[in-house]
N, C-alpha and C. Protein backbone atom coordinates (compact mmCIF):
# COMPACT_ATOMS: atom_id res chain seq x y z
N MET A 1 -34.68 -12.48 -42.50
CA MET A 1 -33.39 -13.09 -42.70
C MET A 1 -32.80 -13.53 -41.37
N LYS A 2 -32.23 -14.72 -41.34
CA LYS A 2 -31.61 -15.25 -40.14
C LYS A 2 -30.33 -14.47 -39.83
N GLN A 3 -30.08 -14.26 -38.54
CA GLN A 3 -28.88 -13.55 -38.11
C GLN A 3 -27.64 -14.34 -38.54
N PRO A 4 -26.70 -13.67 -39.21
CA PRO A 4 -25.48 -14.37 -39.61
C PRO A 4 -24.59 -14.64 -38.39
N PHE A 5 -23.78 -15.66 -38.48
CA PHE A 5 -22.81 -15.94 -37.43
C PHE A 5 -21.69 -14.90 -37.46
N LEU A 6 -21.20 -14.59 -38.65
CA LEU A 6 -20.07 -13.68 -38.80
C LEU A 6 -20.42 -12.52 -39.71
N SER A 7 -20.16 -11.32 -39.22
CA SER A 7 -20.23 -10.11 -40.05
C SER A 7 -18.80 -9.61 -40.23
N ILE A 8 -18.46 -9.27 -41.46
CA ILE A 8 -17.14 -8.71 -41.74
C ILE A 8 -17.33 -7.29 -42.26
N VAL A 9 -16.77 -6.34 -41.56
CA VAL A 9 -16.85 -4.93 -41.93
C VAL A 9 -15.54 -4.54 -42.59
N ILE A 10 -15.64 -4.03 -43.82
CA ILE A 10 -14.46 -3.65 -44.58
C ILE A 10 -14.58 -2.19 -45.01
N PRO A 11 -13.80 -1.29 -44.42
CA PRO A 11 -13.81 0.10 -44.89
C PRO A 11 -13.02 0.21 -46.20
N ALA A 12 -13.43 1.13 -47.04
CA ALA A 12 -12.75 1.30 -48.33
C ALA A 12 -12.61 2.78 -48.65
N TYR A 13 -11.40 3.21 -48.88
CA TYR A 13 -11.16 4.57 -49.35
C TYR A 13 -10.08 4.50 -50.44
N ASN A 14 -10.47 4.81 -51.64
CA ASN A 14 -9.56 4.78 -52.80
C ASN A 14 -8.83 3.43 -52.89
N GLU A 15 -9.62 2.38 -52.92
CA GLU A 15 -9.10 1.01 -52.96
C GLU A 15 -9.21 0.38 -54.35
N GLU A 16 -9.30 1.20 -55.37
CA GLU A 16 -9.43 0.69 -56.74
C GLU A 16 -8.39 -0.37 -57.07
N THR A 17 -7.15 -0.11 -56.75
CA THR A 17 -6.08 -1.06 -57.08
C THR A 17 -6.30 -2.40 -56.39
N ASN A 18 -6.58 -2.38 -55.09
CA ASN A 18 -6.79 -3.64 -54.36
C ASN A 18 -8.01 -4.40 -54.84
N ILE A 19 -9.05 -3.69 -55.21
CA ILE A 19 -10.25 -4.36 -55.74
C ILE A 19 -9.91 -5.01 -57.08
N ARG A 20 -9.22 -4.28 -57.94
CA ARG A 20 -8.83 -4.83 -59.24
C ARG A 20 -7.88 -6.02 -59.10
N LEU A 21 -7.08 -6.02 -58.03
CA LEU A 21 -6.16 -7.14 -57.78
C LEU A 21 -6.87 -8.35 -57.15
N GLY A 22 -8.17 -8.22 -56.88
CA GLY A 22 -8.95 -9.36 -56.43
C GLY A 22 -9.11 -9.53 -54.94
N ALA A 23 -8.85 -8.49 -54.15
CA ALA A 23 -8.96 -8.62 -52.70
C ALA A 23 -10.36 -9.07 -52.27
N LEU A 24 -11.39 -8.47 -52.81
CA LEU A 24 -12.76 -8.87 -52.43
C LEU A 24 -13.12 -10.23 -53.01
N ASP A 25 -12.58 -10.56 -54.15
CA ASP A 25 -12.81 -11.89 -54.72
C ASP A 25 -12.24 -12.96 -53.80
N ARG A 26 -11.07 -12.70 -53.20
CA ARG A 26 -10.48 -13.67 -52.27
C ARG A 26 -11.34 -13.83 -51.04
N VAL A 27 -11.90 -12.74 -50.53
CA VAL A 27 -12.81 -12.81 -49.38
C VAL A 27 -14.02 -13.65 -49.75
N SER A 28 -14.60 -13.39 -50.90
CA SER A 28 -15.79 -14.11 -51.35
C SER A 28 -15.50 -15.61 -51.50
N ARG A 29 -14.40 -15.94 -52.15
CA ARG A 29 -14.05 -17.36 -52.35
C ARG A 29 -13.84 -18.08 -51.02
N TYR A 30 -13.21 -17.42 -50.07
CA TYR A 30 -12.99 -18.04 -48.76
C TYR A 30 -14.34 -18.29 -48.08
N LEU A 31 -15.19 -17.28 -48.06
CA LEU A 31 -16.46 -17.41 -47.35
C LEU A 31 -17.40 -18.44 -47.98
N GLU A 32 -17.27 -18.66 -49.27
CA GLU A 32 -18.09 -19.68 -49.93
C GLU A 32 -17.78 -21.08 -49.41
N ARG A 33 -16.62 -21.26 -48.79
CA ARG A 33 -16.21 -22.58 -48.30
C ARG A 33 -16.52 -22.81 -46.82
N VAL A 34 -16.84 -21.77 -46.07
CA VAL A 34 -17.07 -21.95 -44.63
C VAL A 34 -18.44 -22.55 -44.37
N ARG A 35 -18.60 -23.13 -43.20
CA ARG A 35 -19.84 -23.83 -42.86
C ARG A 35 -20.79 -23.00 -41.99
N TYR A 36 -20.51 -21.74 -41.83
CA TYR A 36 -21.37 -20.88 -41.03
C TYR A 36 -21.92 -19.74 -41.89
N SER A 37 -22.96 -19.11 -41.40
CA SER A 37 -23.56 -17.99 -42.15
C SER A 37 -22.73 -16.73 -41.94
N TRP A 38 -22.77 -15.86 -42.92
CA TRP A 38 -21.94 -14.66 -42.89
C TRP A 38 -22.55 -13.55 -43.72
N GLU A 39 -22.02 -12.35 -43.48
CA GLU A 39 -22.33 -11.18 -44.31
C GLU A 39 -21.05 -10.35 -44.38
N VAL A 40 -20.90 -9.64 -45.49
CA VAL A 40 -19.78 -8.72 -45.65
C VAL A 40 -20.38 -7.34 -45.90
N ILE A 41 -19.92 -6.38 -45.12
CA ILE A 41 -20.38 -5.00 -45.27
C ILE A 41 -19.17 -4.16 -45.66
N VAL A 42 -19.17 -3.67 -46.90
CA VAL A 42 -18.09 -2.82 -47.37
C VAL A 42 -18.60 -1.39 -47.34
N VAL A 43 -17.88 -0.53 -46.65
CA VAL A 43 -18.29 0.87 -46.52
C VAL A 43 -17.30 1.74 -47.28
N ASP A 44 -17.79 2.38 -48.34
CA ASP A 44 -16.97 3.29 -49.14
C ASP A 44 -16.95 4.65 -48.45
N ASP A 45 -15.77 5.12 -48.13
CA ASP A 45 -15.59 6.39 -47.41
C ASP A 45 -15.42 7.56 -48.38
N GLY A 46 -16.33 7.65 -49.34
CA GLY A 46 -16.29 8.77 -50.28
C GLY A 46 -15.09 8.75 -51.19
N SER A 47 -14.75 7.59 -51.69
CA SER A 47 -13.57 7.44 -52.56
C SER A 47 -13.65 8.37 -53.77
N THR A 48 -12.47 8.81 -54.21
CA THR A 48 -12.41 9.70 -55.37
C THR A 48 -11.89 8.98 -56.62
N ASP A 49 -11.55 7.70 -56.48
CA ASP A 49 -11.13 6.92 -57.64
C ASP A 49 -12.30 6.04 -58.08
N ALA A 50 -12.04 4.94 -58.74
CA ALA A 50 -13.10 4.06 -59.25
C ALA A 50 -13.63 3.07 -58.21
N THR A 51 -13.25 3.23 -56.95
CA THR A 51 -13.70 2.31 -55.89
C THR A 51 -15.22 2.19 -55.87
N GLY A 52 -15.92 3.30 -55.87
CA GLY A 52 -17.38 3.28 -55.80
C GLY A 52 -18.01 2.49 -56.93
N ARG A 53 -17.53 2.71 -58.14
CA ARG A 53 -18.06 1.99 -59.30
C ARG A 53 -17.77 0.50 -59.19
N LEU A 54 -16.55 0.15 -58.81
CA LEU A 54 -16.18 -1.26 -58.68
C LEU A 54 -16.97 -1.95 -57.58
N LEU A 55 -17.20 -1.24 -56.47
CA LEU A 55 -18.01 -1.81 -55.39
C LEU A 55 -19.46 -1.98 -55.85
N GLY A 56 -19.92 -1.05 -56.67
CA GLY A 56 -21.28 -1.17 -57.22
C GLY A 56 -21.44 -2.45 -58.02
N GLU A 57 -20.41 -2.82 -58.76
CA GLU A 57 -20.43 -4.06 -59.52
C GLU A 57 -20.38 -5.28 -58.59
N PHE A 58 -19.71 -5.14 -57.46
CA PHE A 58 -19.55 -6.26 -56.52
C PHE A 58 -20.79 -6.45 -55.66
N ARG A 59 -21.61 -5.42 -55.58
CA ARG A 59 -22.80 -5.41 -54.73
C ARG A 59 -23.72 -6.60 -54.99
N SER A 60 -23.72 -7.13 -56.21
CA SER A 60 -24.61 -8.23 -56.56
C SER A 60 -24.15 -9.58 -56.01
N ASN A 61 -22.94 -9.65 -55.47
CA ASN A 61 -22.45 -10.90 -54.88
C ASN A 61 -23.27 -11.25 -53.64
N LYS A 62 -23.68 -12.49 -53.55
CA LYS A 62 -24.48 -12.96 -52.42
C LYS A 62 -23.76 -12.68 -51.10
N GLY A 63 -24.47 -12.09 -50.17
CA GLY A 63 -23.92 -11.85 -48.84
C GLY A 63 -23.15 -10.55 -48.69
N PHE A 64 -22.98 -9.81 -49.78
CA PHE A 64 -22.22 -8.55 -49.73
C PHE A 64 -23.18 -7.36 -49.76
N THR A 65 -22.91 -6.41 -48.88
CA THR A 65 -23.65 -5.15 -48.86
C THR A 65 -22.62 -4.03 -49.02
N VAL A 66 -22.96 -3.03 -49.79
CA VAL A 66 -22.07 -1.87 -49.96
C VAL A 66 -22.81 -0.64 -49.44
N ILE A 67 -22.14 0.09 -48.57
CA ILE A 67 -22.69 1.34 -48.04
C ILE A 67 -21.81 2.47 -48.54
N GLU A 68 -22.44 3.52 -49.04
CA GLU A 68 -21.70 4.68 -49.53
C GLU A 68 -21.80 5.81 -48.51
N ASN A 69 -20.66 6.21 -47.99
CA ASN A 69 -20.58 7.31 -47.03
C ASN A 69 -19.89 8.50 -47.67
N PRO A 70 -20.19 9.70 -47.21
CA PRO A 70 -19.33 10.83 -47.58
C PRO A 70 -17.99 10.63 -46.85
N HIS A 71 -16.94 11.23 -47.36
CA HIS A 71 -15.62 11.05 -46.74
C HIS A 71 -15.62 11.61 -45.33
N GLN A 72 -15.38 10.72 -44.35
CA GLN A 72 -15.35 11.11 -42.94
C GLN A 72 -14.14 10.53 -42.22
N GLY A 73 -13.38 9.69 -42.88
CA GLY A 73 -12.24 9.05 -42.24
C GLY A 73 -12.55 7.62 -41.86
N LYS A 74 -11.49 6.89 -41.56
CA LYS A 74 -11.61 5.45 -41.31
C LYS A 74 -12.47 5.14 -40.10
N ALA A 75 -12.30 5.89 -39.01
CA ALA A 75 -13.08 5.59 -37.80
C ALA A 75 -14.58 5.66 -38.06
N ALA A 76 -15.04 6.72 -38.70
CA ALA A 76 -16.47 6.86 -38.99
C ALA A 76 -16.95 5.77 -39.94
N THR A 77 -16.08 5.39 -40.87
CA THR A 77 -16.43 4.35 -41.83
C THR A 77 -16.59 3.00 -41.14
N VAL A 78 -15.67 2.68 -40.24
CA VAL A 78 -15.77 1.43 -39.49
C VAL A 78 -17.02 1.45 -38.60
N ILE A 79 -17.27 2.56 -37.94
CA ILE A 79 -18.46 2.66 -37.08
C ILE A 79 -19.73 2.45 -37.89
N THR A 80 -19.81 3.04 -39.07
CA THR A 80 -20.99 2.84 -39.93
C THR A 80 -21.21 1.35 -40.19
N GLY A 81 -20.15 0.64 -40.55
CA GLY A 81 -20.27 -0.79 -40.81
C GLY A 81 -20.63 -1.58 -39.57
N MET A 82 -20.02 -1.25 -38.45
CA MET A 82 -20.30 -1.96 -37.19
C MET A 82 -21.76 -1.80 -36.77
N LEU A 83 -22.30 -0.61 -36.96
CA LEU A 83 -23.70 -0.37 -36.60
C LEU A 83 -24.66 -1.12 -37.52
N GLN A 84 -24.24 -1.40 -38.73
CA GLN A 84 -25.06 -2.14 -39.70
C GLN A 84 -24.96 -3.66 -39.48
N ALA A 85 -23.86 -4.12 -38.93
CA ALA A 85 -23.57 -5.55 -38.79
C ALA A 85 -24.60 -6.26 -37.91
N GLN A 86 -24.99 -7.46 -38.34
CA GLN A 86 -25.99 -8.25 -37.62
C GLN A 86 -25.41 -9.54 -37.02
N GLY A 87 -24.14 -9.81 -37.27
CA GLY A 87 -23.55 -11.08 -36.86
C GLY A 87 -23.37 -11.25 -35.37
N THR A 88 -23.32 -12.50 -34.95
CA THR A 88 -22.99 -12.83 -33.57
C THR A 88 -21.58 -12.36 -33.28
N ILE A 89 -20.69 -12.57 -34.25
CA ILE A 89 -19.32 -12.08 -34.18
C ILE A 89 -19.15 -11.07 -35.30
N VAL A 90 -18.53 -9.92 -34.98
CA VAL A 90 -18.29 -8.88 -35.98
C VAL A 90 -16.79 -8.68 -36.10
N LEU A 91 -16.30 -8.80 -37.31
CA LEU A 91 -14.87 -8.68 -37.61
C LEU A 91 -14.65 -7.44 -38.45
N PHE A 92 -13.62 -6.67 -38.11
CA PHE A 92 -13.18 -5.55 -38.94
C PHE A 92 -11.93 -6.01 -39.66
N ALA A 93 -11.89 -5.83 -40.98
CA ALA A 93 -10.72 -6.23 -41.77
C ALA A 93 -10.45 -5.19 -42.84
N ASP A 94 -9.18 -4.90 -43.08
CA ASP A 94 -8.82 -3.97 -44.14
C ASP A 94 -9.03 -4.62 -45.50
N LEU A 95 -9.40 -3.83 -46.49
CA LEU A 95 -9.69 -4.35 -47.82
C LEU A 95 -8.45 -4.96 -48.47
N ASP A 96 -7.28 -4.43 -48.18
CA ASP A 96 -6.07 -4.96 -48.83
C ASP A 96 -5.71 -6.36 -48.36
N GLN A 97 -6.42 -6.86 -47.36
CA GLN A 97 -6.22 -8.20 -46.82
C GLN A 97 -4.77 -8.41 -46.36
N ALA A 98 -4.19 -7.36 -45.73
CA ALA A 98 -2.86 -7.49 -45.15
C ALA A 98 -2.84 -8.63 -44.14
N ALA A 99 -3.93 -8.79 -43.43
CA ALA A 99 -4.16 -9.99 -42.62
C ALA A 99 -5.23 -10.77 -43.38
N PRO A 100 -4.85 -11.86 -44.03
CA PRO A 100 -5.80 -12.60 -44.88
C PRO A 100 -7.05 -13.05 -44.11
N ILE A 101 -8.17 -13.05 -44.79
CA ILE A 101 -9.45 -13.38 -44.17
C ILE A 101 -9.45 -14.77 -43.52
N CYS A 102 -8.67 -15.69 -44.04
CA CYS A 102 -8.62 -17.04 -43.47
C CYS A 102 -8.08 -17.04 -42.04
N GLU A 103 -7.42 -15.97 -41.64
CA GLU A 103 -6.90 -15.86 -40.27
C GLU A 103 -8.02 -15.76 -39.24
N VAL A 104 -9.24 -15.51 -39.68
CA VAL A 104 -10.38 -15.44 -38.75
C VAL A 104 -10.50 -16.74 -37.97
N GLU A 105 -10.08 -17.84 -38.56
CA GLU A 105 -10.18 -19.14 -37.88
C GLU A 105 -9.31 -19.18 -36.63
N LYS A 106 -8.26 -18.39 -36.57
CA LYS A 106 -7.41 -18.33 -35.38
C LYS A 106 -8.06 -17.53 -34.26
N LEU A 107 -9.02 -16.67 -34.61
CA LEU A 107 -9.69 -15.86 -33.61
C LEU A 107 -10.88 -16.58 -32.97
N SER A 108 -11.54 -17.43 -33.75
CA SER A 108 -12.77 -18.08 -33.30
C SER A 108 -12.66 -18.81 -31.96
N PRO A 109 -11.59 -19.58 -31.72
CA PRO A 109 -11.53 -20.30 -30.44
C PRO A 109 -11.57 -19.39 -29.21
N TRP A 110 -11.10 -18.18 -29.37
CA TRP A 110 -11.10 -17.26 -28.23
C TRP A 110 -12.53 -16.84 -27.87
N PHE A 111 -13.39 -16.71 -28.86
CA PHE A 111 -14.79 -16.41 -28.58
C PHE A 111 -15.44 -17.60 -27.88
N ASP A 112 -15.06 -18.81 -28.30
CA ASP A 112 -15.59 -20.02 -27.67
C ASP A 112 -15.20 -20.09 -26.20
N ARG A 113 -14.09 -19.47 -25.83
CA ARG A 113 -13.63 -19.45 -24.43
C ARG A 113 -14.31 -18.35 -23.63
N GLY A 114 -15.18 -17.57 -24.27
CA GLY A 114 -15.96 -16.57 -23.54
C GLY A 114 -15.49 -15.14 -23.67
N TYR A 115 -14.48 -14.89 -24.47
CA TYR A 115 -14.03 -13.51 -24.64
C TYR A 115 -15.03 -12.73 -25.50
N ASP A 116 -15.29 -11.49 -25.11
CA ASP A 116 -16.20 -10.63 -25.86
C ASP A 116 -15.49 -9.90 -27.00
N VAL A 117 -14.21 -9.62 -26.81
CA VAL A 117 -13.42 -8.91 -27.81
C VAL A 117 -12.12 -9.68 -28.02
N VAL A 118 -11.78 -9.89 -29.28
CA VAL A 118 -10.55 -10.57 -29.64
C VAL A 118 -9.84 -9.70 -30.68
N ILE A 119 -8.55 -9.46 -30.46
CA ILE A 119 -7.78 -8.62 -31.37
C ILE A 119 -6.65 -9.44 -31.95
N GLY A 120 -6.60 -9.51 -33.27
CA GLY A 120 -5.51 -10.21 -33.95
C GLY A 120 -4.39 -9.22 -34.21
N SER A 121 -3.18 -9.71 -34.18
CA SER A 121 -2.02 -8.86 -34.41
C SER A 121 -0.97 -9.64 -35.17
N ARG A 122 -0.34 -8.98 -36.11
CA ARG A 122 0.77 -9.61 -36.83
C ARG A 122 2.03 -9.47 -35.98
N SER A 123 2.68 -10.58 -35.73
CA SER A 123 3.91 -10.53 -34.95
C SER A 123 5.14 -10.42 -35.84
N VAL A 124 4.93 -10.53 -37.13
CA VAL A 124 6.03 -10.47 -38.08
C VAL A 124 6.24 -9.01 -38.50
N ARG A 125 7.51 -8.60 -38.55
CA ARG A 125 7.82 -7.24 -38.97
C ARG A 125 7.43 -7.02 -40.42
N ARG A 126 6.76 -5.92 -40.69
CA ARG A 126 6.35 -5.58 -42.05
C ARG A 126 7.52 -4.96 -42.79
N GLU A 127 7.91 -5.58 -43.89
CA GLU A 127 8.99 -5.05 -44.72
C GLU A 127 8.62 -3.66 -45.24
N GLY A 128 9.55 -2.72 -45.10
CA GLY A 128 9.35 -1.39 -45.64
C GLY A 128 8.49 -0.48 -44.78
N ALA A 129 8.06 -0.96 -43.62
CA ALA A 129 7.23 -0.12 -42.75
C ALA A 129 8.09 0.98 -42.13
N PRO A 130 7.56 2.20 -42.05
CA PRO A 130 8.31 3.29 -41.43
C PRO A 130 8.60 2.97 -39.96
N ILE A 131 9.72 3.46 -39.46
CA ILE A 131 10.15 3.17 -38.09
C ILE A 131 9.09 3.62 -37.07
N LEU A 132 8.44 4.75 -37.31
CA LEU A 132 7.41 5.21 -36.39
C LEU A 132 6.27 4.21 -36.30
N ARG A 133 5.88 3.64 -37.41
CA ARG A 133 4.80 2.64 -37.42
C ARG A 133 5.23 1.40 -36.63
N LEU A 134 6.47 0.98 -36.79
CA LEU A 134 6.98 -0.18 -36.06
C LEU A 134 7.00 0.10 -34.55
N LEU A 135 7.42 1.30 -34.17
CA LEU A 135 7.43 1.65 -32.75
C LEU A 135 6.01 1.70 -32.17
N MET A 136 5.09 2.26 -32.93
CA MET A 136 3.70 2.34 -32.45
C MET A 136 3.09 0.95 -32.33
N ALA A 137 3.46 0.05 -33.22
CA ALA A 137 2.94 -1.31 -33.18
C ALA A 137 3.39 -2.04 -31.91
N ARG A 138 4.57 -1.72 -31.45
CA ARG A 138 5.08 -2.34 -30.23
C ARG A 138 4.35 -1.82 -29.03
């Protein structure tokens, strides 16, 4: 298999609601329109809800891989996906798509300028976010 241009690593822990609301479907629909090769690696962090079953159903989508981990926390889950990723560029994105997948296009030019690591950040205040989270974000 040819090396994909973009690998997207998505950790998942008890994401049944977001999957049912179509978060992964939105990722899939977006990627079907891009002109570069890609892969999506979803790593289940030992979910206790229907996440595992729903991801099992999604596994048949072209370009999607599902890895099942025992519960170890988000960091270990992201590391598992990153180690599996084959892309020239590897993106980590939350399953809830708080930062929509289409925002990847804003990151690409920075790689073209020679940066090895690019970090996207929302500059808009999140409604309802706890004050501690807002302070830490600053």
